[in-house]
C-alpha atoms as a PDB file:
ATOM      1  CA  MET A   1      54.323  81.959 194.357  1.00  0.00           C
ATOM      2  CA  TRP A   2      57.136  80.002 192.716  1.00  0.00           C
ATOM      3  CA  LYS A   3      55.328  76.734 193.479  1.00  0.00           C
ATOM      4  CA  LYS A   4      52.277  77.853 191.499  1.00  0.00           C
ATOM      5  CA  ALA A   5      54.484  78.916 188.574  1.00  0.00           C
ATOM      6  CA  PHE A   6      56.286  75.554 188.681  1.00  0.00           C
ATOM      7  CA  VAL A   7      52.970  73.652 188.632  1.00  0.00           C
ATOM      8  CA  VAL A   8      51.680  75.767 185.689  1.00  0.00           C
ATOM      9  CA  LEU A   9      54.922  75.255 183.748  1.00  0.00           C
ATOM     10  CA  LEU A  10      54.902  71.507 184.452  1.00  0.00           C
ATOM     11  CA  SER A  11      51.257  71.312 183.327  1.00  0.00           C
ATOM     12  CA  LEU A  12      52.071  73.135 180.087  1.00  0.00           C
ATOM     13  CA  ASN A  13      55.015  70.820 179.363  1.00  0.00           C
ATOM     14  CA  LEU A  14      52.863  67.752 179.989  1.00  0.00           C
ATOM     15  CA  PHE A  15      50.137  69.175 177.758  1.00  0.00           C
ATOM     16  CA  VAL A  16      52.647  69.769 174.911  1.00  0.00           C
ATOM     17  CA  VAL A  17      54.165  66.276 175.270  1.00  0.00           C
ATOM     18  CA  VAL A  18      50.770  64.530 175.392  1.00  0.00           C
ATOM     19  CA  GLY A  19      49.377  66.667 172.543  1.00  0.00           C
ATOM     20  CA  GLY A  20      52.493  66.019 170.414  1.00  0.00           C
ATOM     21  CA  ALA A  21      52.247  62.277 171.059  1.00  0.00           C
ATOM     22  CA  LEU A  22      48.567  62.246 170.095  1.00  0.00           C
ATOM     23  CA  TRP A  23      49.262  64.285 166.934  1.00  0.00           C
ATOM     24  CA  TRP A  24      52.183  62.000 166.024  1.00  0.00           C
ATOM     25  CA  GLY A  25      49.913  58.994 166.403  1.00  0.00           C
ATOM     26  CA  THR A  26      47.401  60.422 163.893  1.00  0.00           C
ATOM     27  CA  LEU A  27      49.985  60.757 161.105  1.00  0.00           C
ATOM     28  CA  PRO A  28      49.776  57.973 158.481  1.00  0.00           C
ATOM     29  CA  LYS A  29      52.625  55.523 158.067  1.00  0.00           C
ATOM     30  CA  ALA A  30      54.992  56.290 155.183  1.00  0.00           C
ATOM     31  CA  SER A  31      54.227  52.957 153.501  1.00  0.00           C
ATOM     32  CA  SER A  32      50.495  53.713 153.305  1.00  0.00           C
ATOM     33  CA  VAL A  33      50.677  57.275 151.902  1.00  0.00           C
ATOM     34  CA  GLN A  34      49.709  57.906 148.289  1.00  0.00           C
ATOM     35  CA  PRO A  35      51.048  61.109 146.734  1.00  0.00           C
ATOM     36  CA  PRO A  36      48.396  63.712 145.802  1.00  0.00           C
ATOM     37  CA  GLN A  37      47.182  63.664 142.209  1.00  0.00           C
ATOM     38  CA  ALA A  38      49.037  66.286 140.194  1.00  0.00           C
ATOM     39  CA  ALA A  39      46.914  68.686 138.208  1.00  0.00           C
ATOM     40  CA  VAL A  40      46.662  67.442 134.650  1.00  0.00           C
ATOM     41  CA  MET A  41      47.834  70.063 132.217  1.00  0.00           C
ATOM     42  CA  SER A  42      46.608  69.948 128.655  1.00  0.00           C
ATOM     43  CA  ASN A  43      49.399  70.033 126.090  1.00  0.00           C
ATOM     44  CA  ASP A  44      46.932  71.312 123.511  1.00  0.00           C
ATOM     45  CA  LYS A  45      45.794  74.437 125.363  1.00  0.00           C
ATOM     46  CA  PRO A  46      48.194  77.362 124.941  1.00  0.00           C
ATOM     47  CA  ALA A  47      49.330  79.489 127.835  1.00  0.00           C
ATOM     48  CA  THR A  48      48.855  83.150 126.951  1.00  0.00           C
ATOM     49  CA  ILE A  49      50.128  86.444 128.274  1.00  0.00           C
ATOM     50  CA  GLN A  50      49.284  89.996 127.272  1.00  0.00           C
ATOM     51  CA  LEU A  51      51.859  92.718 127.363  1.00  0.00           C
ATOM     52  CA  SER A  52      52.597  96.191 126.079  1.00  0.00           C
ATOM     53  CA  VAL A  53      55.967  96.880 124.548  1.00  0.00           C
ATOM     54  CA  GLY A  54      57.754 100.007 123.399  1.00  0.00           C
ATOM     55  CA  GLN A  55      60.177 100.557 120.574  1.00  0.00           C
ATOM     56  CA  ASP A  56      63.166  99.209 122.533  1.00  0.00           C
ATOM     57  CA  ALA A  57      61.447  95.836 122.946  1.00  0.00           C
ATOM     58  CA  ILE A  58      60.383  95.815 119.286  1.00  0.00           C
ATOM     59  CA  ASN A  59      63.946  96.563 118.210  1.00  0.00           C
ATOM     60  CA  SER A  60      65.220  93.731 120.402  1.00  0.00           C
ATOM     61  CA  TYR A  61      62.661  91.421 118.778  1.00  0.00           C
ATOM     62  CA  LEU A  62      63.728  92.572 115.311  1.00  0.00           C
ATOM     63  CA  GLU A  63      67.343  91.819 116.182  1.00  0.00           C
ATOM     64  CA  TYR A  64      66.290  88.356 117.409  1.00  0.00           C
ATOM     65  CA  ALA A  65      64.173  87.714 114.310  1.00  0.00           C
ATOM     66  CA  LEU A  66      67.025  88.628 112.003  1.00  0.00           C
ATOM     67  CA  SER A  67      69.456  86.366 113.833  1.00  0.00           C
ATOM     68  CA  GLU A  68      67.116  83.399 114.370  1.00  0.00           C
ATOM     69  CA  GLN A  69      64.646  83.356 111.467  1.00  0.00           C
ATOM     70  CA  ALA A  70      66.351  82.510 108.215  1.00  0.00           C
ATOM     71  CA  ASP A  71      63.338  83.460 106.084  1.00  0.00           C
ATOM     72  CA  VAL A  72      63.395  87.042 107.433  1.00  0.00           C
ATOM     73  CA  SER A  73      67.173  87.425 107.313  1.00  0.00           C
ATOM     74  CA  GLN A  74      67.096  86.550 103.599  1.00  0.00           C
ATOM     75  CA  VAL A  75      65.222  89.811 102.996  1.00  0.00           C
ATOM     76  CA  VAL A  76      66.357  92.218 105.711  1.00  0.00           C
ATOM     77  CA  SER A  77      69.922  93.009 106.773  1.00  0.00           C
ATOM     78  CA  TYR A  78      68.980  95.307 109.680  1.00  0.00           C
ATOM     79  CA  ALA A  79      65.861  96.998 111.023  1.00  0.00           C
ATOM     80  CA  ASN A  80      65.102  99.661 113.612  1.00  0.00           C
ATOM     81  CA  VAL A  81      61.794 101.342 114.474  1.00  0.00           C
ATOM     82  CA  GLN A  82      60.893 104.626 116.187  1.00  0.00           C
ATOM     83  CA  PHE A  83      57.336 105.031 117.490  1.00  0.00           C
ATOM     84  CA  ALA A  84      55.194 108.167 117.315  1.00  0.00           C
ATOM     85  CA  ASP A  85      51.890 108.922 115.543  1.00  0.00           C
ATOM     86  CA  THR A  86      53.570 107.159 112.645  1.00  0.00           C
ATOM     87  CA  TRP A  87      56.396 104.647 112.742  1.00  0.00           C
ATOM     88  CA  THR A  88      59.755 105.500 111.216  1.00  0.00           C
ATOM     89  CA  VAL A  89      61.619 102.382 110.192  1.00  0.00           C
ATOM     90  CA  GLN A  90      65.257 102.254 109.186  1.00  0.00           C
ATOM     91  CA  ILE A  91      65.735  99.093 107.226  1.00  0.00           C
ATOM     92  CA  GLY A  92      68.404  97.500 105.091  1.00  0.00           C
ATOM     93  CA  LEU A  93      66.811  95.504 102.278  1.00  0.00           C
ATOM     94  CA  LYS A  94      68.873  92.755 100.695  1.00  0.00           C
ATOM     95  CA  LEU A  95      68.854  92.707  96.923  1.00  0.00           C
ATOM     96  CA  LYS A  96      71.182  90.096  95.441  1.00  0.00           C
ATOM     97  CA  ASP A  97      74.534  90.803  97.160  1.00  0.00           C
ATOM     98  CA  ARG A  98      73.706  94.441  98.045  1.00  0.00           C
ATOM     99  CA  VAL A  99      71.968  96.135 100.964  1.00  0.00           C
ATOM    100  CA  ILE A 100      69.678  99.045 100.169  1.00  0.00           C
ATOM    101  CA  PRO A 101      69.354 101.443 103.163  1.00  0.00           C
ATOM    102  CA  CYS A 102      65.839 102.857 103.455  1.00  0.00           C
ATOM    103  CA  ASN A 103      63.901 105.078 105.838  1.00  0.00           C
ATOM    104  CA  ILE A 104      60.206 104.322 105.596  1.00  0.00           C
ATOM    105  CA  VAL A 105      57.357 106.080 107.408  1.00  0.00           C
ATOM    106  CA  PHE A 106      54.384 103.811 108.160  1.00  0.00           C
ATOM    107  CA  THR A 107      50.927 104.311 109.607  1.00  0.00           C
ATOM    108  CA  PRO A 108      50.130 101.171 111.617  1.00  0.00           C
ATOM    109  CA  THR A 109      46.697  99.560 111.702  1.00  0.00           C
ATOM    110  CA  VAL A 110      45.774  96.492 113.741  1.00  0.00           C
ATOM    111  CA  ALA A 111      43.316  94.014 112.214  1.00  0.00           C
ATOM    112  CA  ASN A 112      42.368  90.598 113.638  1.00  0.00           C
ATOM    113  CA  GLY A 113      45.661  90.099 115.462  1.00  0.00           C
ATOM    114  CA  ASN A 114      47.720  91.195 112.478  1.00  0.00           C
ATOM    115  CA  LEU A 115      49.455  94.426 111.551  1.00  0.00           C
ATOM    116  CA  ILE A 116      48.971  96.455 108.396  1.00  0.00           C
ATOM    117  CA  LEU A 117      51.700  98.994 107.749  1.00  0.00           C
ATOM    118  CA  HIS A 118      50.635 101.667 105.267  1.00  0.00           C
ATOM    119  CA  VAL A 119      53.633 103.371 103.681  1.00  0.00           C
ATOM    120  CA  GLU A 120      53.373 107.166 103.844  1.00  0.00           C
ATOM    121  CA  SER A 121      56.841 107.982 102.466  1.00  0.00           C
ATOM    122  CA  ALA A 122      60.234 106.464 101.822  1.00  0.00           C
ATOM    123  CA  THR A 123      63.763 107.718 101.323  1.00  0.00           C
ATOM    124  CA  THR A 124      67.098 106.193 100.426  1.00  0.00           C
ATOM    125  CA  GLY A 125      69.707 108.368 102.038  1.00  0.00           C
ATOM    126  CA  ASP A 126      68.338 111.876 101.458  1.00  0.00           C
ATOM    127  CA  LEU A 127      66.583 110.983  98.211  1.00  0.00           C
ATOM    128  CA  PRO A 128      62.814 110.398  98.170  1.00  0.00           C
ATOM    129  CA  VAL A 129      61.767 107.055  96.761  1.00  0.00           C
ATOM    130  CA  PRO A 130      58.612 106.824  94.624  1.00  0.00           C
ATOM    131  CA  LEU A 131      56.276 104.399  96.401  1.00  0.00           C
ATOM    132  CA  GLY A 132      55.570 102.565  93.165  1.00  0.00           C
ATOM    133  CA  ALA A 133      59.292 101.851  92.767  1.00  0.00           C
ATOM    134  CA  LEU A 134      59.622 100.828  96.426  1.00  0.00           C
ATOM    135  CA  PHE A 135      56.742  98.364  96.165  1.00  0.00           C
ATOM    136  CA  PHE A 136      58.071  97.040  92.867  1.00  0.00           C
ATOM    137  CA  VAL A 137      61.318  96.138  94.654  1.00  0.00           C
ATOM    138  CA  MET A 138      59.492  94.850  97.742  1.00  0.00           C
ATOM    139  CA  SER A 139      57.202  92.634  95.677  1.00  0.00           C
ATOM    140  CA  HIS A 140      60.240  90.841  94.224  1.00  0.00           C
ATOM    141  CA  LEU A 141      61.874  90.098  97.561  1.00  0.00           C
ATOM    142  CA  PRO A 142      61.600  86.576  99.068  1.00  0.00           C
ATOM    143  CA  TRP A 143      59.308  87.447 101.997  1.00  0.00           C
ATOM    144  CA  PRO A 144      58.224  84.693 104.385  1.00  0.00           C
ATOM    145  CA  ALA A 145      54.753  83.318 103.666  1.00  0.00           C
ATOM    146  CA  TRP A 146      53.140  85.285 106.523  1.00  0.00           C
ATOM    147  CA  ILE A 147      54.167  88.709 105.127  1.00  0.00           C
ATOM    148  CA  ALA A 148      52.215  90.017 102.133  1.00  0.00           C
ATOM    149  CA  VAL A 149      53.057  93.032  99.950  1.00  0.00           C
ATOM    150  CA  ASP A 150      50.056  95.021  98.666  1.00  0.00           C
ATOM    151  CA  GLY A 151      51.579  97.361  96.094  1.00  0.00           C
ATOM    152  CA  ALA A 152      48.240  98.732  94.900  1.00  0.00           C
ATOM    153  CA  ASN A 153      47.432 100.171  98.340  1.00  0.00           C
ATOM    154  CA  HIS A 154      51.036 100.737  99.488  1.00  0.00           C
ATOM    155  CA  ASP A 155      50.505  98.329 102.397  1.00  0.00           C
ATOM    156  CA  LEU A 156      52.688  95.729 104.025  1.00  0.00           C
ATOM    157  CA  HIS A 157      50.645  93.022 105.789  1.00  0.00           C
ATOM    158  CA  LEU A 158      52.349  91.313 108.730  1.00  0.00           C
ATOM    159  CA  ASN A 159      50.040  88.351 109.265  1.00  0.00           C
ATOM    160  CA  PHE A 160      51.286  87.194 112.672  1.00  0.00           C
ATOM    161  CA  THR A 161      48.379  84.752 112.970  1.00  0.00           C
ATOM    162  CA  GLU A 162      49.699  82.909 109.896  1.00  0.00           C
ATOM    163  CA  ARG A 163      53.341  82.689 110.976  1.00  0.00           C
ATOM    164  CA  PRO A 164      54.578  79.437 112.554  1.00  0.00           C
ATOM    165  CA  GLN A 165      53.156  79.305 116.086  1.00  0.00           C
ATOM    166  CA  GLN A 166      56.008  77.311 117.656  1.00  0.00           C
ATOM    167  CA  PRO A 167      57.672  77.816 119.947  1.00  0.00           C
ATOM    168  CA  TYR A 168      55.375  80.830 120.430  1.00  0.00           C
ATOM    169  CA  GLY A 169      52.554  82.628 118.664  1.00  0.00           C
ATOM    170  CA  VAL A 170      51.952  86.382 118.492  1.00  0.00           C
ATOM    171  CA  ARG A 171      48.765  88.394 117.998  1.00  0.00           C
ATOM    172  CA  ILE A 172      48.796  92.179 117.821  1.00  0.00           C
ATOM    173  CA  LEU A 173      46.045  93.699 119.991  1.00  0.00           C
ATOM    174  CA  GLY A 174      46.608  97.412 119.408  1.00  0.00           C
ATOM    175  CA  TYR A 175      48.920 100.411 119.215  1.00  0.00           C
ATOM    176  CA  SER A 176      48.713 103.582 121.305  1.00  0.00           C
ATOM    177  CA  ALA A 177      50.406 106.670 119.900  1.00  0.00           C
ATOM    178  CA  ALA A 178      49.920 108.335 123.305  1.00  0.00           C
ATOM    179  CA  THR A 179      51.975 105.734 125.205  1.00  0.00           C
ATOM    180  CA  ARG A 180      53.990 104.700 122.131  1.00  0.00           C
ATOM    181  CA  GLU A 181      53.378 101.057 122.975  1.00  0.00           C
ATOM    182  CA  VAL A 182      52.134  98.050 121.058  1.00  0.00           C
ATOM    183  CA  SER A 183      49.817  95.681 122.933  1.00  0.00           C
ATOM    184  CA  LEU A 184      50.189  92.057 121.993  1.00  0.00           C
ATOM    185  CA  GLN A 185      49.277  88.576 123.086  1.00  0.00           C
ATOM    186  CA  VAL A 186      51.907  85.860 123.191  1.00  0.00           C
ATOM    187  CA  SER A 187      50.845  82.224 123.386  1.00  0.00           C
ATOM    188  CA  ILE A 188      52.878  79.098 123.810  1.00  0.00           C
ATOM    189  CA  LEU A 189      51.913  75.433 123.833  1.00  0.00           C
ATOM    190  CA  PRO A 190      53.457  73.505 126.745  1.00  0.00           C
ATOM    191  CA  LYS A 191      54.366  70.623 124.439  1.00  0.00           C
ATOM    192  CA  SER A 192      56.295  73.011 122.182  1.00  0.00           C
ATOM    193  CA  LEU A 193      58.341  74.061 125.216  1.00  0.00           C
ATOM    194  CA  LEU A 194      59.116  70.432 125.938  1.00  0.00           C
ATOM    195  CA  SER A 195      60.075  69.673 122.359  1.00  0.00           C
ATOM    196  CA  THR A 196      62.454  72.655 122.171  1.00  0.00           C
ATOM    197  CA  THR A 197      64.173  71.790 125.454  1.00  0.00           C
ATOM    198  CA  HIS A 198      64.672  68.126 124.543  1.00  0.00           C
ATOM    199  CA  SER A 199      65.787  68.660 120.959  1.00  0.00           C
END
């Protein structure tokens, strides 16, 4: 019995050695191998992702925007949002060397990737603020070019599609009061990533 097992084991070993030698012989020599062509990636086509974010993510973005975007920080000292059927925003507006604390209630509407915030009410401290007076002040603030103040309709237009798209662009897709989340699309050009990492 052990002789048969020995012969089978010897045959298997020979088969592995011969098969390995044959396989080794089929491999190309290192000097003759060309690397595979890498996939060519267009630097002009943006990579996009879609995501839904809640108020915590929005507040983190607002904190980032105030610290990184000089045009926004010229107007706003602080900002915080709470989502529900309407949005309650606590904001500190800069006027000369003062900060005016305001609570503003907005109804959000999404249009063509942008956000229209209709002002329902506003207070400073516990005092109600007439919307005409609020929009008079807002219309004289140095907003970035992509934010428009519509005093006649008590609207604030956040035109994300008109803001600088580097290093990333943002389009608003929708808002759900049920989930209290904003859906948005973020796009980034690969070449803008390269330029920010090398600069």
